């Protein structure tokens, strides 16, 4: 199901979990109308080619009244190691030894990550094991351990059950507590 506001496509799950100020620019950056069903939006994976995405910046000279999204939009981090870097990731479950994970679409919830100067948003892909049929999130420790150190260090957050915290915040808290 899609919601249309201003004529742009956005999936229902992202619509619900994405701040309203970011709907327009995220829709334009990542979604397109489905060719098989013109009323249904789909995530265009061919557009995903980098980790960090930013909303359009305000113009220096305004001819018209500027939109709120130009001033209050959030940056977006895209964590899709299998799609971006073509990693061969295997199922982390003990009874599936060496079974390669496949794509299972995008994770339905846009996560908020606390950072030093506010928060940013994170979207990820879902991975699925063809044998055990379980879905795997790519920020899990088992998946991150399969990446080389350089790619693993690109993941900027510390995940918890409900929220995420940027590593810079954790470092700052550690320095504050240690005196």
N, C-alpha and C. Protein backbone atom coordinates (compact mmCIF):
# COMPACT_ATOMS: atom_id res chain seq x y z
N UNK A 1 0.84 -1.18 0.00
CA UNK A 1 0.00 0.00 0.00
C UNK A 1 0.88 1.24 0.00
N UNK A 2 0.42 2.28 -0.65
CA UNK A 2 1.21 3.51 -0.69
C UNK A 2 0.36 4.68 -0.23
N UNK A 3 1.03 5.68 0.17
CA UNK A 3 0.38 6.93 0.49
C UNK A 3 0.98 7.98 -0.42
N UNK A 4 0.14 8.84 -0.93
CA UNK A 4 0.62 9.84 -1.84
C UNK A 4 0.35 11.21 -1.22
N UNK A 5 1.38 11.97 -1.09
CA UNK A 5 1.25 13.34 -0.63
C UNK A 5 2.10 14.18 -1.55
N UNK A 6 1.48 15.01 -2.33
CA UNK A 6 2.24 15.80 -3.28
C UNK A 6 2.66 14.99 -4.49
N UNK A 7 2.09 13.81 -4.70
CA UNK A 7 2.37 13.03 -5.89
C UNK A 7 3.62 12.19 -5.86
N UNK A 8 4.20 11.95 -4.70
CA UNK A 8 5.41 11.12 -4.65
C UNK A 8 5.13 9.80 -3.96
N UNK A 9 5.81 8.73 -4.39
CA UNK A 9 5.58 7.41 -3.81
C UNK A 9 6.42 7.18 -2.55
N UNK A 10 5.84 6.45 -1.61
CA UNK A 10 6.55 6.06 -0.39
C UNK A 10 5.81 4.87 0.20
N UNK A 11 6.54 3.84 0.60
CA UNK A 11 5.87 2.66 1.15
C UNK A 11 5.20 2.99 2.47
N UNK A 12 4.18 2.24 2.80
CA UNK A 12 3.40 2.47 4.02
C UNK A 12 4.28 2.36 5.27
N UNK A 13 5.17 1.36 5.31
CA UNK A 13 6.02 1.16 6.49
C UNK A 13 6.96 2.34 6.69
N UNK A 14 7.55 2.83 5.62
CA UNK A 14 8.45 3.98 5.74
C UNK A 14 7.65 5.24 6.05
N UNK A 15 6.45 5.36 5.51
CA UNK A 15 5.59 6.51 5.78
C UNK A 15 5.33 6.62 7.27
N UNK A 16 5.06 5.49 7.91
CA UNK A 16 4.73 5.47 9.34
C UNK A 16 5.93 5.76 10.24
N UNK A 17 7.12 5.33 9.84
CA UNK A 17 8.27 5.45 10.74
C UNK A 17 9.22 6.58 10.36
N UNK A 18 9.00 7.24 9.26
CA UNK A 18 9.85 8.34 8.81
C UNK A 18 9.22 9.65 9.25
N UNK A 19 10.01 10.60 9.78
CA UNK A 19 9.43 11.90 10.12
C UNK A 19 8.82 12.55 8.87
N UNK A 20 7.72 13.23 9.05
CA UNK A 20 6.98 13.79 7.93
C UNK A 20 7.82 14.75 7.11
N UNK A 21 8.71 15.48 7.75
CA UNK A 21 9.53 16.45 7.05
C UNK A 21 10.46 15.77 6.02
N UNK A 22 10.72 14.48 6.19
CA UNK A 22 11.61 13.75 5.29
C UNK A 22 10.88 12.96 4.20
N UNK A 23 9.58 12.93 4.22
CA UNK A 23 8.82 12.12 3.26
C UNK A 23 9.16 12.46 1.81
N UNK A 24 9.15 13.74 1.47
CA UNK A 24 9.33 14.14 0.07
C UNK A 24 10.72 13.79 -0.46
N UNK A 25 11.76 14.18 0.25
CA UNK A 25 13.09 13.96 -0.31
C UNK A 25 13.49 12.49 -0.30
N UNK A 26 13.08 11.73 0.70
CA UNK A 26 13.39 10.29 0.72
C UNK A 26 12.63 9.57 -0.40
N UNK A 27 11.40 9.97 -0.62
CA UNK A 27 10.62 9.38 -1.70
C UNK A 27 11.28 9.62 -3.05
N UNK A 28 11.71 10.85 -3.29
CA UNK A 28 12.35 11.18 -4.57
C UNK A 28 13.69 10.48 -4.74
N UNK A 29 14.40 10.27 -3.63
CA UNK A 29 15.72 9.64 -3.70
C UNK A 29 15.67 8.13 -3.88
N UNK A 30 14.66 7.45 -3.33
CA UNK A 30 14.69 5.99 -3.27
C UNK A 30 13.53 5.26 -3.93
N UNK A 31 12.40 5.89 -4.13
CA UNK A 31 11.22 5.16 -4.59
C UNK A 31 10.83 5.54 -6.01
N UNK A 32 10.12 4.65 -6.65
CA UNK A 32 9.53 4.89 -7.96
C UNK A 32 8.18 4.18 -7.99
N UNK A 33 7.38 4.52 -8.95
CA UNK A 33 6.11 3.83 -9.12
C UNK A 33 6.37 2.50 -9.80
N UNK A 34 5.72 1.46 -9.34
CA UNK A 34 5.89 0.13 -9.89
C UNK A 34 5.42 0.09 -11.34
N UNK A 35 6.17 -0.61 -12.18
CA UNK A 35 5.78 -0.72 -13.59
C UNK A 35 4.60 -1.68 -13.76
N UNK A 36 4.47 -2.66 -12.88
CA UNK A 36 3.37 -3.61 -12.98
C UNK A 36 2.08 -3.06 -12.38
N UNK A 37 2.19 -2.24 -11.34
CA UNK A 37 1.02 -1.64 -10.70
C UNK A 37 1.32 -0.16 -10.46
N UNK A 38 0.84 0.73 -11.31
CA UNK A 38 1.21 2.14 -11.22
C UNK A 38 0.80 2.84 -9.93
N UNK A 39 -0.06 2.24 -9.13
CA UNK A 39 -0.47 2.85 -7.87
C UNK A 39 0.37 2.37 -6.69
N UNK A 40 1.36 1.54 -6.93
CA UNK A 40 2.17 0.96 -5.86
C UNK A 40 3.61 1.45 -5.95
N UNK A 41 4.14 1.99 -4.86
CA UNK A 41 5.54 2.40 -4.87
C UNK A 41 6.46 1.20 -4.63
N UNK A 42 7.66 1.28 -5.18
CA UNK A 42 8.65 0.24 -4.90
C UNK A 42 10.01 0.91 -4.70
N UNK A 43 10.78 0.30 -3.85
CA UNK A 43 12.12 0.80 -3.58
C UNK A 43 12.98 0.50 -4.79
N UNK A 44 13.63 1.51 -5.32
CA UNK A 44 14.48 1.36 -6.50
C UNK A 44 15.91 1.12 -6.03
N UNK A 45 16.31 -0.14 -5.96
CA UNK A 45 17.63 -0.49 -5.45
C UNK A 45 18.76 -0.02 -6.35
N UNK A 46 18.47 0.26 -7.61
CA UNK A 46 19.52 0.73 -8.52
C UNK A 46 20.00 2.13 -8.15
N UNK A 47 19.20 2.87 -7.39
CA UNK A 47 19.60 4.21 -6.96
C UNK A 47 20.51 4.20 -5.74
N UNK A 48 20.58 3.08 -5.06
CA UNK A 48 21.35 3.00 -3.82
C UNK A 48 22.81 2.69 -4.18
N UNK A 49 23.65 3.70 -4.02
CA UNK A 49 25.06 3.54 -4.40
C UNK A 49 26.02 4.15 -3.38
N UNK A 50 25.49 4.65 -2.27
CA UNK A 50 26.35 5.23 -1.23
C UNK A 50 25.69 5.06 0.13
N UNK A 51 26.46 5.29 1.18
CA UNK A 51 25.97 5.10 2.55
C UNK A 51 25.18 6.29 3.08
N UNK A 52 25.68 7.49 2.88
CA UNK A 52 25.07 8.69 3.47
C UNK A 52 24.31 9.48 2.43
N UNK A 53 23.10 9.90 2.81
CA UNK A 53 22.23 10.71 1.95
C UNK A 53 21.78 11.92 2.76
N UNK A 54 21.66 13.06 2.06
CA UNK A 54 21.30 14.30 2.73
C UNK A 54 20.14 14.98 2.01
N UNK A 55 19.26 15.65 2.76
CA UNK A 55 18.18 16.39 2.10
C UNK A 55 18.76 17.60 1.36
N UNK A 56 18.00 18.11 0.42
CA UNK A 56 18.45 19.29 -0.32
C UNK A 56 18.63 20.47 0.64
N UNK A 57 19.66 21.23 0.39
CA UNK A 57 19.95 22.38 1.24
C UNK A 57 19.14 23.59 0.80
N UNK A 58 18.87 24.53 1.71
CA UNK A 58 18.11 25.74 1.34
C UNK A 58 18.88 26.56 0.31
N UNK A 59 18.14 27.20 -0.58
CA UNK A 59 18.76 28.06 -1.58
C UNK A 59 19.28 29.33 -0.90
N UNK A 60 20.32 29.91 -1.48
CA UNK A 60 20.88 31.13 -0.91
C UNK A 60 19.96 32.33 -1.16
N UNK A 61 19.29 32.33 -2.32
CA UNK A 61 18.35 33.39 -2.64
C UNK A 61 16.99 32.75 -2.84
N UNK A 62 16.00 33.27 -2.15
CA UNK A 62 14.67 32.69 -2.21
C UNK A 62 13.75 33.51 -3.10
N UNK A 63 13.17 32.86 -4.09
CA UNK A 63 12.15 33.50 -4.92
C UNK A 63 10.77 33.19 -4.35
N UNK A 64 10.65 32.02 -3.73
CA UNK A 64 9.38 31.58 -3.17
C UNK A 64 9.57 31.30 -1.69
N UNK A 65 8.47 31.08 -1.01
CA UNK A 65 8.53 30.72 0.39
C UNK A 65 9.19 29.34 0.51
N UNK A 66 10.28 29.20 1.27
CA UNK A 66 10.98 27.92 1.35
C UNK A 66 10.18 26.87 2.12
N UNK A 67 10.35 25.62 1.75
CA UNK A 67 9.68 24.52 2.44
C UNK A 67 10.40 24.16 3.72
N UNK A 68 9.67 23.63 4.67
CA UNK A 68 10.22 23.25 5.97
C UNK A 68 11.25 22.13 5.83
N UNK A 69 11.07 21.26 4.83
CA UNK A 69 11.99 20.14 4.65
C UNK A 69 13.40 20.60 4.30
N UNK A 70 13.54 21.79 3.75
CA UNK A 70 14.87 22.31 3.41
C UNK A 70 15.66 22.69 4.66
N UNK A 71 15.00 22.93 5.76
CA UNK A 71 15.68 23.36 6.98
C UNK A 71 15.72 22.30 8.07
N UNK A 72 14.73 21.40 8.09
CA UNK A 72 14.63 20.47 9.20
C UNK A 72 14.71 19.01 8.79
N UNK A 73 15.11 18.73 7.56
CA UNK A 73 15.26 17.35 7.11
C UNK A 73 16.43 16.67 7.81
N UNK A 74 16.38 15.36 7.91
CA UNK A 74 17.42 14.59 8.59
C UNK A 74 18.29 13.86 7.58
N UNK A 75 19.54 13.69 7.90
CA UNK A 75 20.40 12.88 7.04
C UNK A 75 20.00 11.42 7.19
N UNK A 76 20.35 10.62 6.21
CA UNK A 76 19.92 9.23 6.18
C UNK A 76 21.12 8.34 5.91
N UNK A 77 21.25 7.28 6.70
CA UNK A 77 22.31 6.31 6.53
C UNK A 77 21.70 5.03 5.97
N UNK A 78 22.25 4.53 4.88
CA UNK A 78 21.74 3.33 4.22
C UNK A 78 22.73 2.19 4.48
N UNK A 79 22.30 1.18 5.26
CA UNK A 79 23.17 0.05 5.58
C UNK A 79 22.68 -1.17 4.83
N UNK A 80 23.28 -1.41 3.67
CA UNK A 80 22.93 -2.55 2.83
C UNK A 80 24.23 -3.17 2.30
N UNK A 81 24.97 -3.88 3.16
CA UNK A 81 26.28 -4.40 2.74
C UNK A 81 26.20 -5.40 1.59
N UNK A 82 25.17 -6.18 1.52
CA UNK A 82 25.05 -7.15 0.43
C UNK A 82 24.80 -6.44 -0.89
N UNK A 83 23.95 -5.43 -0.90
CA UNK A 83 23.64 -4.70 -2.12
C UNK A 83 24.76 -3.74 -2.52
N UNK A 84 25.31 -3.01 -1.56
CA UNK A 84 26.31 -2.00 -1.88
C UNK A 84 27.67 -2.61 -2.26
N UNK A 85 28.11 -3.60 -1.51
CA UNK A 85 29.44 -4.14 -1.71
C UNK A 85 29.46 -5.56 -2.24
N UNK A 86 28.29 -6.11 -2.55
CA UNK A 86 28.16 -7.46 -3.12
C UNK A 86 28.82 -8.52 -2.23
N UNK A 87 28.64 -8.37 -0.92
CA UNK A 87 29.19 -9.35 0.02
C UNK A 87 28.44 -10.67 -0.05
N UNK A 88 29.16 -11.76 0.11
CA UNK A 88 28.54 -13.07 0.28
C UNK A 88 28.43 -13.29 1.78
N UNK A 89 27.22 -13.18 2.29
CA UNK A 89 26.97 -13.33 3.72
C UNK A 89 26.27 -14.66 3.94
N UNK A 90 26.68 -15.37 4.98
CA UNK A 90 26.10 -16.69 5.25
C UNK A 90 25.20 -16.62 6.48
N UNK A 91 24.28 -17.56 6.55
CA UNK A 91 23.32 -17.63 7.64
C UNK A 91 24.06 -17.85 8.97
N UNK A 92 23.76 -17.03 9.98
CA UNK A 92 24.45 -17.16 11.26
C UNK A 92 23.90 -18.25 12.18
N UNK A 93 22.81 -18.89 11.79
CA UNK A 93 22.21 -19.91 12.65
C UNK A 93 23.01 -21.21 12.57
N UNK A 94 23.11 -21.89 13.68
CA UNK A 94 24.02 -23.03 13.81
C UNK A 94 23.70 -24.19 12.87
N UNK A 95 22.45 -24.46 12.57
CA UNK A 95 22.12 -25.61 11.72
C UNK A 95 22.22 -25.28 10.22
N UNK A 96 22.48 -24.04 9.86
CA UNK A 96 22.64 -23.65 8.45
C UNK A 96 24.11 -23.30 8.21
N UNK A 97 24.92 -24.26 8.03
CA UNK A 97 26.36 -23.99 7.87
C UNK A 97 26.68 -23.64 6.43
N UNK A 98 27.10 -22.41 6.24
CA UNK A 98 27.57 -21.96 4.93
C UNK A 98 26.50 -21.63 3.91
N UNK A 99 25.24 -21.52 4.30
CA UNK A 99 24.17 -21.19 3.37
C UNK A 99 24.17 -19.68 3.15
N UNK A 100 24.27 -19.26 1.90
CA UNK A 100 24.32 -17.84 1.58
C UNK A 100 22.95 -17.18 1.78
N UNK A 101 22.97 -16.03 2.43
CA UNK A 101 21.74 -15.26 2.64
C UNK A 101 21.35 -14.56 1.34
N UNK A 102 20.05 -14.44 1.12
CA UNK A 102 19.56 -13.74 -0.06
C UNK A 102 18.82 -12.48 0.37
N UNK A 103 18.53 -11.63 -0.59
CA UNK A 103 17.80 -10.39 -0.31
C UNK A 103 16.35 -10.71 0.04
N UNK A 104 15.80 -9.97 0.98
CA UNK A 104 14.39 -10.15 1.35
C UNK A 104 13.70 -8.80 1.47
N UNK A 105 14.13 -7.84 0.67
CA UNK A 105 13.51 -6.52 0.70
C UNK A 105 14.15 -5.59 1.71
N UNK A 106 13.49 -4.49 1.95
CA UNK A 106 14.03 -3.51 2.90
C UNK A 106 13.40 -3.73 4.27
N UNK A 107 14.16 -3.40 5.30
CA UNK A 107 13.64 -3.49 6.65
C UNK A 107 12.51 -2.47 6.76
N UNK A 108 11.36 -2.84 7.29
CA UNK A 108 10.19 -1.97 7.20
C UNK A 108 10.24 -0.71 8.08
N UNK A 109 11.07 -0.70 9.10
CA UNK A 109 11.08 0.43 10.02
C UNK A 109 12.33 1.27 9.81
N UNK A 110 12.13 2.56 9.64
CA UNK A 110 13.25 3.49 9.57
C UNK A 110 13.68 3.76 11.00
N UNK A 111 14.93 3.46 11.30
CA UNK A 111 15.45 3.60 12.66
C UNK A 111 16.01 5.00 12.90
N UNK A 112 15.81 5.52 14.10
CA UNK A 112 16.42 6.77 14.52
C UNK A 112 17.69 6.44 15.28
N UNK A 113 18.76 7.17 14.98
CA UNK A 113 20.04 6.97 15.64
C UNK A 113 20.43 8.27 16.33
N UNK A 114 20.61 8.20 17.64
CA UNK A 114 21.02 9.36 18.42
C UNK A 114 22.46 9.71 18.09
N UNK A 115 22.70 10.98 17.79
CA UNK A 115 24.04 11.46 17.48
C UNK A 115 24.33 12.67 18.36
N UNK A 116 25.52 13.19 18.29
CA UNK A 116 25.92 14.31 19.13
C UNK A 116 25.08 15.55 18.86
N UNK A 117 24.78 15.81 17.61
CA UNK A 117 24.06 17.03 17.25
C UNK A 117 22.59 16.79 16.91
N UNK A 118 22.00 15.76 17.42
CA UNK A 118 20.60 15.45 17.15
C UNK A 118 20.45 13.97 16.86
N UNK A 119 19.76 13.66 15.79
CA UNK A 119 19.66 12.27 15.37
C UNK A 119 19.59 12.20 13.86
N UNK A 120 19.93 11.05 13.34
CA UNK A 120 19.79 10.79 11.91
C UNK A 120 18.99 9.51 11.74
N UNK A 121 18.63 9.21 10.53
CA UNK A 121 17.79 8.06 10.22
C UNK A 121 18.63 6.97 9.57
N UNK A 122 18.22 5.72 9.77
CA UNK A 122 18.93 4.59 9.17
C UNK A 122 17.92 3.64 8.55
N UNK A 123 18.20 3.23 7.32
CA UNK A 123 17.40 2.21 6.64
C UNK A 123 18.34 1.06 6.27
N UNK A 124 17.80 -0.15 6.29
CA UNK A 124 18.62 -1.31 5.99
C UNK A 124 17.85 -2.28 5.12
N UNK A 125 18.57 -3.29 4.65
CA UNK A 125 17.93 -4.36 3.90
C UNK A 125 17.62 -5.51 4.86
N UNK A 126 16.74 -6.36 4.46
CA UNK A 126 16.46 -7.61 5.18
C UNK A 126 17.16 -8.72 4.41
N UNK A 127 17.75 -9.65 5.11
CA UNK A 127 18.37 -10.81 4.49
C UNK A 127 17.60 -12.06 4.92
N UNK A 128 17.57 -13.06 4.06
CA UNK A 128 16.79 -14.25 4.37
C UNK A 128 17.61 -15.49 4.02
N UNK A 129 17.52 -16.49 4.89
CA UNK A 129 18.18 -17.77 4.64
C UNK A 129 17.24 -18.65 3.81
N UNK A 130 17.69 -19.17 2.68
CA UNK A 130 16.81 -20.02 1.87
C UNK A 130 16.51 -21.38 2.51
N UNK A 131 17.37 -21.83 3.43
CA UNK A 131 17.14 -23.13 4.08
C UNK A 131 16.18 -23.03 5.26
N UNK A 132 16.55 -22.23 6.25
CA UNK A 132 15.72 -22.15 7.47
C UNK A 132 14.62 -21.10 7.36
N UNK A 133 14.62 -20.30 6.31
CA UNK A 133 13.59 -19.29 6.03
C UNK A 133 13.54 -18.16 7.06
N UNK A 134 14.56 -18.04 7.89
CA UNK A 134 14.59 -16.97 8.88
C UNK A 134 15.16 -15.70 8.26
N UNK A 135 14.66 -14.57 8.73
CA UNK A 135 15.19 -13.30 8.28
C UNK A 135 16.30 -12.85 9.23
N UNK A 136 17.28 -12.17 8.66
CA UNK A 136 18.45 -11.73 9.42
C UNK A 136 18.61 -10.23 9.16
N UNK A 137 18.89 -9.49 10.23
CA UNK A 137 19.13 -8.06 10.09
C UNK A 137 20.62 -7.82 9.90
N UNK A 138 21.01 -6.95 9.00
CA UNK A 138 22.43 -6.79 8.69
C UNK A 138 23.25 -6.04 9.72
N UNK A 139 22.62 -5.50 10.77
CA UNK A 139 23.40 -4.88 11.83
C UNK A 139 23.67 -5.84 12.98
N UNK A 140 23.25 -7.09 12.85
CA UNK A 140 23.51 -8.07 13.91
C UNK A 140 25.01 -8.35 14.00
N UNK A 141 25.45 -8.72 15.17
CA UNK A 141 26.87 -8.98 15.39
C UNK A 141 27.37 -10.11 14.48
N UNK A 142 26.53 -11.10 14.22
CA UNK A 142 26.93 -12.23 13.37
C UNK A 142 27.17 -11.80 11.93
N UNK A 143 26.40 -10.86 11.45
CA UNK A 143 26.60 -10.37 10.07
C UNK A 143 27.77 -9.40 10.03
N UNK A 144 27.86 -8.49 11.00
CA UNK A 144 28.97 -7.55 11.02
C UNK A 144 30.32 -8.26 11.11
N UNK A 145 30.36 -9.39 11.81
CA UNK A 145 31.60 -10.15 11.95
C UNK A 145 32.07 -10.74 10.62
N UNK A 146 31.16 -10.89 9.66
CA UNK A 146 31.53 -11.44 8.35
C UNK A 146 32.14 -10.38 7.42
N UNK A 147 32.04 -9.12 7.78
CA UNK A 147 32.60 -8.05 6.96
C UNK A 147 34.06 -7.82 7.33
N UNK A 148 34.83 -7.32 6.38
CA UNK A 148 36.21 -6.98 6.72
C UNK A 148 36.21 -5.73 7.61
N UNK A 149 37.32 -5.45 8.24
CA UNK A 149 37.40 -4.39 9.23
C UNK A 149 37.04 -3.03 8.63
N UNK A 150 37.46 -2.78 7.41
CA UNK A 150 37.17 -1.50 6.77
C UNK A 150 35.68 -1.27 6.58
N UNK A 151 34.98 -2.28 6.07
CA UNK A 151 33.53 -2.14 5.87
C UNK A 151 32.77 -2.17 7.19
N UNK A 152 33.22 -2.97 8.13
CA UNK A 152 32.57 -3.04 9.44
C UNK A 152 32.65 -1.69 10.16
N UNK A 153 33.78 -1.00 10.01
CA UNK A 153 33.95 0.29 10.68
C UNK A 153 33.05 1.38 10.08
N UNK A 154 32.50 1.14 8.89
CA UNK A 154 31.57 2.10 8.28
C UNK A 154 30.24 2.14 9.01
N UNK A 155 29.92 1.07 9.75
CA UNK A 155 28.65 1.05 10.49
C UNK A 155 28.81 1.93 11.72
N UNK A 156 28.09 3.06 11.79
CA UNK A 156 28.39 4.07 12.81
C UNK A 156 27.65 3.93 14.13
N UNK A 157 26.78 2.94 14.26
CA UNK A 157 25.88 2.92 15.41
C UNK A 157 26.09 1.71 16.30
N UNK A 158 25.60 1.85 17.52
CA UNK A 158 25.56 0.74 18.47
C UNK A 158 24.08 0.39 18.62
N UNK A 159 23.68 -0.77 18.14
CA UNK A 159 22.25 -1.12 18.23
C UNK A 159 21.89 -1.66 19.61
N UNK A 160 20.72 -1.33 20.05
CA UNK A 160 20.13 -1.92 21.24
C UNK A 160 18.77 -2.47 20.81
N UNK A 161 18.03 -2.98 21.74
CA UNK A 161 16.75 -3.60 21.38
C UNK A 161 15.81 -2.62 20.69
N UNK A 162 15.71 -1.40 21.22
CA UNK A 162 14.73 -0.47 20.68
C UNK A 162 15.35 0.73 19.97
N UNK A 163 16.48 1.20 20.44
CA UNK A 163 17.08 2.42 19.91
C UNK A 163 18.50 2.15 19.43
N UNK A 164 19.05 3.13 18.70
CA UNK A 164 20.42 3.08 18.26
C UNK A 164 21.14 4.32 18.77
N UNK A 165 22.43 4.18 19.02
CA UNK A 165 23.25 5.28 19.49
C UNK A 165 24.50 5.33 18.62
N UNK A 166 24.88 6.50 18.17
CA UNK A 166 26.07 6.64 17.36
C UNK A 166 27.31 6.37 18.21
N UNK A 167 28.33 5.82 17.60
CA UNK A 167 29.56 5.49 18.33
C UNK A 167 30.23 6.73 18.90
N UNK A 168 30.06 7.87 18.25
CA UNK A 168 30.66 9.12 18.76
C UNK A 168 30.06 9.49 20.11
N UNK A 169 28.76 9.26 20.28
CA UNK A 169 28.11 9.56 21.56
C UNK A 169 28.65 8.62 22.64
N UNK A 170 28.80 7.35 22.31
CA UNK A 170 29.32 6.38 23.28
C UNK A 170 30.76 6.73 23.67
N UNK A 171 31.58 7.15 22.71
CA UNK A 171 32.95 7.56 23.00
C UNK A 171 32.97 8.78 23.92
N UNK A 172 32.10 9.73 23.64
CA UNK A 172 32.05 10.94 24.46
C UNK A 172 31.59 10.60 25.88
N UNK A 173 30.63 9.72 26.03
CA UNK A 173 30.18 9.33 27.36
C UNK A 173 31.28 8.58 28.11
N UNK A 174 32.01 7.73 27.41
CA UNK A 174 33.10 6.99 28.04
C UNK A 174 34.18 7.96 28.53
N UNK A 175 34.52 8.98 27.73
CA UNK A 175 35.51 9.96 28.14
C UNK A 175 35.01 10.78 29.34
N UNK A 176 33.73 11.11 29.36
CA UNK A 176 33.16 11.87 30.46
C UNK A 176 33.17 11.06 31.75
N UNK A 177 32.83 9.79 31.66
CA UNK A 177 32.78 8.94 32.85
C UNK A 177 34.17 8.62 33.39
N UNK A 178 35.16 8.52 32.49
CA UNK A 178 36.52 8.18 32.93
C UNK A 178 37.27 9.40 33.44
N UNK A 179 36.72 10.58 33.24
CA UNK A 179 37.25 11.76 33.83
C UNK A 179 38.25 12.47 33.03
